[in-house]
Amino acid sequence: MPEPMKGLVMSNLDEQRDKLQLLCEEVAELLGVEHPAVVALQHAATELSVAASGPRRYADYSQAG
């Protein structure tokens, strides 16, 4: 696994990762969880988590403004 990168803004990584996770869930409903596109989105979200040095959290976009 890559090491966390110094100087990355944690909130930006969190926001982008959460957007990827939401998109992944939506695509999984359409194509199924085994589809290569869904797997790639999951992998991208995981990579953003690894790049960040803080704990992983999941935003609830259903309550976002």
PDB file of N, CA and C in Angstrom:
ATOM      1  N   MET A   1       0.840  -1.188   0.000  1.00  0.00           N
ATOM      2  CA  MET A   1       0.000   0.000   0.000  1.00  0.00           C
ATOM      3  C   MET A   1       0.884   1.251   0.000  1.00  0.00           C
ATOM      4  N   PRO A   2       0.485   2.273  -0.730  1.00  0.00           N
ATOM      5  CA  PRO A   2       1.257   3.517  -0.714  1.00  0.00           C
ATOM      6  C   PRO A   2       1.180   4.183   0.649  1.00  0.00           C
ATOM      7  N   GLU A   3       2.229   4.910   0.980  1.00  0.00           N
ATOM      8  CA  GLU A   3       2.238   5.636   2.249  1.00  0.00           C
ATOM      9  C   GLU A   3       1.425   6.915   2.117  1.00  0.00           C
ATOM     10  N   PRO A   4       0.843   7.408   3.247  1.00  0.00           N
ATOM     11  CA  PRO A   4       0.110   8.679   3.203  1.00  0.00           C
ATOM     12  C   PRO A   4       1.005   9.800   2.691  1.00  0.00           C
ATOM     13  N   MET A   5       0.449  10.657   1.860  1.00  0.00           N
ATOM     14  CA  MET A   5       1.204  11.772   1.298  1.00  0.00           C
ATOM     15  C   MET A   5       1.107  12.978   2.209  1.00  0.00           C
ATOM     16  N   LYS A   6       2.218  13.624   2.409  1.00  0.00           N
ATOM     17  CA  LYS A   6       2.257  14.820   3.240  1.00  0.00           C
ATOM     18  C   LYS A   6       1.650  15.991   2.476  1.00  0.00           C
ATOM     19  N   GLY A   7       0.967  16.875   3.178  1.00  0.00           N
ATOM     20  CA  GLY A   7       0.458  18.096   2.586  1.00  0.00           C
ATOM     21  C   GLY A   7      -0.902  17.988   1.922  1.00  0.00           C
ATOM     22  N   LEU A   8      -1.484  16.804   1.877  1.00  0.00           N
ATOM     23  CA  LEU A   8      -2.818  16.681   1.293  1.00  0.00           C
ATOM     24  C   LEU A   8      -3.848  17.208   2.277  1.00  0.00           C
ATOM     25  N   VAL A   9      -4.838  17.884   1.772  1.00  0.00           N
ATOM     26  CA  VAL A   9      -5.890  18.422   2.629  1.00  0.00           C
ATOM     27  C   VAL A   9      -6.892  17.307   2.893  1.00  0.00           C
ATOM     28  N   MET A  10      -6.961  16.897   4.155  1.00  0.00           N
ATOM     29  CA  MET A  10      -7.788  15.758   4.538  1.00  0.00           C
ATOM     30  C   MET A  10      -9.249  15.952   4.154  1.00  0.00           C
ATOM     31  N   SER A  11      -9.789  17.146   4.360  1.00  0.00           N
ATOM     32  CA  SER A  11     -11.203  17.371   4.058  1.00  0.00           C
ATOM     33  C   SER A  11     -11.484  17.210   2.566  1.00  0.00           C
ATOM     34  N   ASN A  12     -10.542  17.622   1.718  1.00  0.00           N
ATOM     35  CA  ASN A  12     -10.720  17.448   0.273  1.00  0.00           C
ATOM     36  C   ASN A  12     -10.727  15.973  -0.104  1.00  0.00           C
ATOM     37  N   LEU A  13      -9.816  15.210   0.497  1.00  0.00           N
ATOM     38  CA  LEU A  13      -9.779  13.779   0.225  1.00  0.00           C
ATOM     39  C   LEU A  13     -11.047  13.098   0.720  1.00  0.00           C
ATOM     40  N   ASP A  14     -11.501  13.481   1.904  1.00  0.00           N
ATOM     41  CA  ASP A  14     -12.741  12.918   2.446  1.00  0.00           C
ATOM     42  C   ASP A  14     -13.908  13.183   1.506  1.00  0.00           C
ATOM     43  N   GLU A  15     -14.008  14.413   1.048  1.00  0.00           N
ATOM     44  CA  GLU A  15     -15.121  14.797   0.178  1.00  0.00           C
ATOM     45  C   GLU A  15     -15.098  14.002  -1.127  1.00  0.00           C
ATOM     46  N   GLN A  16     -13.937  13.903  -1.741  1.00  0.00           N
ATOM     47  CA  GLN A  16     -13.828  13.182  -3.008  1.00  0.00           C
ATOM     48  C   GLN A  16     -14.068  11.686  -2.815  1.00  0.00           C
ATOM     49  N   ARG A  17     -13.542  11.127  -1.739  1.00  0.00           N
ATOM     50  CA  ARG A  17     -13.755   9.710  -1.458  1.00  0.00           C
ATOM     51  C   ARG A  17     -15.239   9.417  -1.234  1.00  0.00           C
ATOM     52  N   ASP A  18     -15.899  10.277  -0.470  1.00  0.00           N
ATOM     53  CA  ASP A  18     -17.319  10.082  -0.188  1.00  0.00           C
ATOM     54  C   ASP A  18     -18.157  10.172  -1.460  1.00  0.00           C
ATOM     55  N   LYS A  19     -17.785  11.077  -2.361  1.00  0.00           N
ATOM     56  CA  LYS A  19     -18.488  11.174  -3.641  1.00  0.00           C
ATOM     57  C   LYS A  19     -18.306   9.893  -4.454  1.00  0.00           C
ATOM     58  N   LEU A  20     -17.087   9.357  -4.437  1.00  0.00           N
ATOM     59  CA  LEU A  20     -16.839   8.105  -5.144  1.00  0.00           C
ATOM     60  C   LEU A  20     -17.647   6.960  -4.550  1.00  0.00           C
ATOM     61  N   GLN A  21     -17.730   6.911  -3.230  1.00  0.00           N
ATOM     62  CA  GLN A  21     -18.494   5.851  -2.577  1.00  0.00           C
ATOM     63  C   GLN A  21     -19.977   5.944  -2.931  1.00  0.00           C
ATOM     64  N   LEU A  22     -20.495   7.142  -2.942  1.00  0.00           N
ATOM     65  CA  LEU A  22     -21.900   7.334  -3.307  1.00  0.00           C
ATOM     66  C   LEU A  22     -22.138   6.910  -4.759  1.00  0.00           C
ATOM     67  N   LEU A  23     -21.271   7.338  -5.648  1.00  0.00           N
ATOM     68  CA  LEU A  23     -21.379   6.951  -7.051  1.00  0.00           C
ATOM     69  C   LEU A  23     -21.275   5.434  -7.199  1.00  0.00           C
ATOM     70  N   CYS A  24     -20.373   4.836  -6.461  1.00  0.00           N
ATOM     71  CA  CYS A  24     -20.201   3.387  -6.495  1.00  0.00           C
ATOM     72  C   CYS A  24     -21.492   2.673  -6.106  1.00  0.00           C
ATOM     73  N   GLU A  25     -22.145   3.145  -5.064  1.00  0.00           N
ATOM     74  CA  GLU A  25     -23.409   2.544  -4.630  1.00  0.00           C
ATOM     75  C   GLU A  25     -24.486   2.671  -5.713  1.00  0.00           C
ATOM     76  N   GLU A  26     -24.546   3.828  -6.347  1.00  0.00           N
ATOM     77  CA  GLU A  26     -25.547   4.048  -7.392  1.00  0.00           C
ATOM     78  C   GLU A  26     -25.290   3.154  -8.607  1.00  0.00           C
ATOM     79  N   VAL A  27     -24.031   3.052  -9.002  1.00  0.00           N
ATOM     80  CA  VAL A  27     -23.676   2.224 -10.153  1.00  0.00           C
ATOM     81  C   VAL A  27     -23.886   0.745  -9.828  1.00  0.00           C
ATOM     82  N   ALA A  28     -23.584   0.348  -8.595  1.00  0.00           N
ATOM     83  CA  ALA A  28     -23.774  -1.050  -8.187  1.00  0.00           C
ATOM     84  C   ALA A  28     -25.239  -1.461  -8.281  1.00  0.00           C
ATOM     85  N   GLU A  29     -26.139  -0.539  -7.984  1.00  0.00           N
ATOM     86  CA  GLU A  29     -27.571  -0.840  -8.109  1.00  0.00           C
ATOM     87  C   GLU A  29     -27.955  -1.120  -9.561  1.00  0.00           C
ATOM     88  N   LEU A  30     -27.293  -0.441 -10.482  1.00  0.00           N
ATOM     89  CA  LEU A  30     -27.607  -0.603 -11.903  1.00  0.00           C
ATOM     90  C   LEU A  30     -26.910  -1.806 -12.536  1.00  0.00           C
ATOM     91  N   LEU A  31     -25.635  -2.004 -12.176  1.00  0.00           N
ATOM     92  CA  LEU A  31     -24.819  -2.999 -12.873  1.00  0.00           C
ATOM     93  C   LEU A  31     -24.480  -4.233 -12.045  1.00  0.00           C
ATOM     94  N   GLY A  32     -24.675  -4.155 -10.741  1.00  0.00           N
ATOM     95  CA  GLY A  32     -24.281  -5.249  -9.855  1.00  0.00           C
ATOM     96  C   GLY A  32     -22.901  -5.009  -9.274  1.00  0.00           C
ATOM     97  N   VAL A  33     -22.681  -5.537  -8.091  1.00  0.00           N
ATOM     98  CA  VAL A  33     -21.448  -5.242  -7.358  1.00  0.00           C
ATOM     99  C   VAL A  33     -20.204  -5.877  -7.974  1.00  0.00           C
ATOM    100  N   GLU A  34     -20.367  -6.872  -8.827  1.00  0.00           N
ATOM    101  CA  GLU A  34     -19.213  -7.536  -9.437  1.00  0.00           C
ATOM    102  C   GLU A  34     -18.761  -6.871 -10.739  1.00  0.00           C
ATOM    103  N   HIS A  35     -19.512  -5.898 -11.224  1.00  0.00           N
ATOM    104  CA  HIS A  35     -19.167  -5.247 -12.493  1.00  0.00           C
ATOM    105  C   HIS A  35     -17.817  -4.544 -12.362  1.00  0.00           C
ATOM    106  N   PRO A  36     -16.972  -4.607 -13.393  1.00  0.00           N
ATOM    107  CA  PRO A  36     -15.654  -3.970 -13.335  1.00  0.00           C
ATOM    108  C   PRO A  36     -15.693  -2.472 -13.012  1.00  0.00           C
ATOM    109  N   ALA A  37     -16.720  -1.776 -13.449  1.00  0.00           N
ATOM    110  CA  ALA A  37     -16.823  -0.341 -13.146  1.00  0.00           C
ATOM    111  C   ALA A  37     -17.014  -0.117 -11.650  1.00  0.00           C
ATOM    112  N   VAL A  38     -17.811  -0.958 -11.019  1.00  0.00           N
ATOM    113  CA  VAL A  38     -18.053  -0.839  -9.580  1.00  0.00           C
ATOM    114  C   VAL A  38     -16.782  -1.174  -8.812  1.00  0.00           C
ATOM    115  N   VAL A  39     -16.106  -2.223  -9.233  1.00  0.00           N
ATOM    116  CA  VAL A  39     -14.852  -2.615  -8.583  1.00  0.00           C
ATOM    117  C   VAL A  39     -13.825  -1.490  -8.695  1.00  0.00           C
ATOM    118  N   ALA A  40     -13.748  -0.853  -9.859  1.00  0.00           N
ATOM    119  CA  ALA A  40     -12.802   0.250 -10.058  1.00  0.00           C
ATOM    120  C   ALA A  40     -13.139   1.446  -9.168  1.00  0.00           C
ATOM    121  N   LEU A  41     -14.417   1.758  -9.026  1.00  0.00           N
ATOM    122  CA  LEU A  41     -14.820   2.862  -8.147  1.00  0.00           C
ATOM    123  C   LEU A  41     -14.485   2.551  -6.690  1.00  0.00           C
ATOM    124  N   GLN A  42     -14.712   1.308  -6.277  1.00  0.00           N
ATOM    125  CA  GLN A  42     -14.363   0.910  -4.914  1.00  0.00           C
ATOM    126  C   GLN A  42     -12.861   1.029  -4.688  1.00  0.00           C
ATOM    127  N   HIS A  43     -12.097   0.606  -5.678  1.00  0.00           N
ATOM    128  CA  HIS A  43     -10.640   0.686  -5.573  1.00  0.00           C
ATOM    129  C   HIS A  43     -10.181   2.144  -5.478  1.00  0.00           C
ATOM    130  N   ALA A  44     -10.771   3.012  -6.279  1.00  0.00           N
ATOM    131  CA  ALA A  44     -10.409   4.432  -6.244  1.00  0.00           C
ATOM    132  C   ALA A  44     -10.721   5.047  -4.883  1.00  0.00           C
ATOM    133  N   ALA A  45     -11.863   4.723  -4.309  1.00  0.00           N
ATOM    134  CA  ALA A  45     -12.218   5.241  -2.984  1.00  0.00           C
ATOM    135  C   ALA A  45     -11.242   4.738  -1.933  1.00  0.00           C
ATOM    136  N   THR A  46     -10.850   3.476  -2.040  1.00  0.00           N
ATOM    137  CA  THR A  46      -9.876   2.912  -1.101  1.00  0.00           C
ATOM    138  C   THR A  46      -8.532   3.607  -1.233  1.00  0.00           C
ATOM    139  N   GLU A  47      -8.102   3.868  -2.454  1.00  0.00           N
ATOM    140  CA  GLU A  47      -6.823   4.547  -2.670  1.00  0.00           C
ATOM    141  C   GLU A  47      -6.823   5.951  -2.070  1.00  0.00           C
ATOM    142  N   LEU A  48      -7.939   6.657  -2.151  1.00  0.00           N
ATOM    143  CA  LEU A  48      -8.017   7.973  -1.518  1.00  0.00           C
ATOM    144  C   LEU A  48      -7.920   7.844  -0.006  1.00  0.00           C
ATOM    145  N   SER A  49      -8.500   6.798   0.549  1.00  0.00           N
ATOM    146  CA  SER A  49      -8.407   6.577   1.990  1.00  0.00           C
ATOM    147  C   SER A  49      -6.968   6.315   2.405  1.00  0.00           C
ATOM    148  N   VAL A  50      -6.259   5.556   1.598  1.00  0.00           N
ATOM    149  CA  VAL A  50      -4.864   5.241   1.892  1.00  0.00           C
ATOM    150  C   VAL A  50      -4.001   6.493   1.787  1.00  0.00           C
ATOM    151  N   ALA A  51      -4.312   7.352   0.822  1.00  0.00           N
ATOM    152  CA  ALA A  51      -3.524   8.571   0.622  1.00  0.00           C
ATOM    153  C   ALA A  51      -3.684   9.544   1.781  1.00  0.00           C
ATOM    154  N   ALA A  52      -4.823   9.495   2.437  1.00  0.00           N
ATOM    155  CA  ALA A  52      -5.079  10.379   3.575  1.00  0.00           C
ATOM    156  C   ALA A  52      -4.453   9.783   4.829  1.00  0.00           C
ATOM    157  N   SER A  53      -4.059  10.639   5.723  1.00  0.00           N
ATOM    158  CA  SER A  53      -3.401  10.156   6.936  1.00  0.00           C
ATOM    159  C   SER A  53      -4.357  10.010   8.112  1.00  0.00           C
ATOM    160  N   GLY A  54      -5.613  10.431   7.951  1.00  0.00           N
ATOM    161  CA  GLY A  54      -6.573  10.371   9.054  1.00  0.00           C
ATOM    162  C   GLY A  54      -7.507   9.185   8.933  1.00  0.00           C
ATOM    163  N   PRO A  55      -8.405   9.030   9.895  1.00  0.00           N
ATOM    164  CA  PRO A  55      -9.342   7.905   9.876  1.00  0.00           C
ATOM    165  C   PRO A  55     -10.383   8.045   8.773  1.00  0.00           C
ATOM    166  N   ARG A  56     -10.864   6.928   8.298  1.00  0.00           N
ATOM    167  CA  ARG A  56     -11.872   6.911   7.238  1.00  0.00           C
ATOM    168  C   ARG A  56     -13.250   7.177   7.823  1.00  0.00           C
ATOM    169  N   ARG A  57     -14.005   8.063   7.149  1.00  0.00           N
ATOM    170  CA  ARG A  57     -15.385   8.359   7.551  1.00  0.00           C
ATOM    171  C   ARG A  57     -16.250   8.347   6.300  1.00  0.00           C
ATOM    172  N   TYR A  58     -17.534   8.182   6.498  1.00  0.00           N
ATOM    173  CA  TYR A  58     -18.461   8.164   5.365  1.00  0.00           C
ATOM    174  C   TYR A  58     -19.499   9.253   5.570  1.00  0.00           C
ATOM    175  N   ALA A  59     -19.605  10.151   4.609  1.00  0.00           N
ATOM    176  CA  ALA A  59     -20.563  11.257   4.713  1.00  0.00           C
ATOM    177  C   ALA A  59     -21.940  10.786   4.274  1.00  0.00           C
ATOM    178  N   ASP A  60     -22.950  11.302   4.912  1.00  0.00           N
ATOM    179  CA  ASP A  60     -24.318  10.969   4.551  1.00  0.00           C
ATOM    180  C   ASP A  60     -24.838  12.059   3.629  1.00  0.00           C
ATOM    181  N   TYR A  61     -24.767  11.820   2.308  1.00  0.00           N
ATOM    182  CA  TYR A  61     -25.185  12.828   1.340  1.00  0.00           C
ATOM    183  C   TYR A  61     -26.691  13.016   1.298  1.00  0.00           C
ATOM    184  N   SER A  62     -27.435  12.054   1.861  1.00  0.00           N
ATOM    185  CA  SER A  62     -28.887  12.212   1.850  1.00  0.00           C
ATOM    186  C   SER A  62     -29.330  13.365   2.739  1.00  0.00           C
ATOM    187  N   GLN A  63     -28.478  13.783   3.678  1.00  0.00           N
ATOM    188  CA  GLN A  63     -28.811  14.891   4.564  1.00  0.00           C
ATOM    189  C   GLN A  63     -28.073  16.169   4.187  1.00  0.00           C
ATOM    190  N   ALA A  64     -27.220  16.099   3.161  1.00  0.00           N
ATOM    191  CA  ALA A  64     -26.456  17.284   2.756  1.00  0.00           C
ATOM    192  C   ALA A  64     -27.379  18.283   2.067  1.00  0.00           C
ATOM    193  N   GLY A  65     -27.070  19.553   2.281  1.00  0.00           N
ATOM    194  CA  GLY A  65     -27.847  20.661   1.814  1.00  0.00           C
ATOM    195  C   GLY A  65     -28.152  20.735   0.406  1.00  0.00           C
TER     196      GLY A  65
END
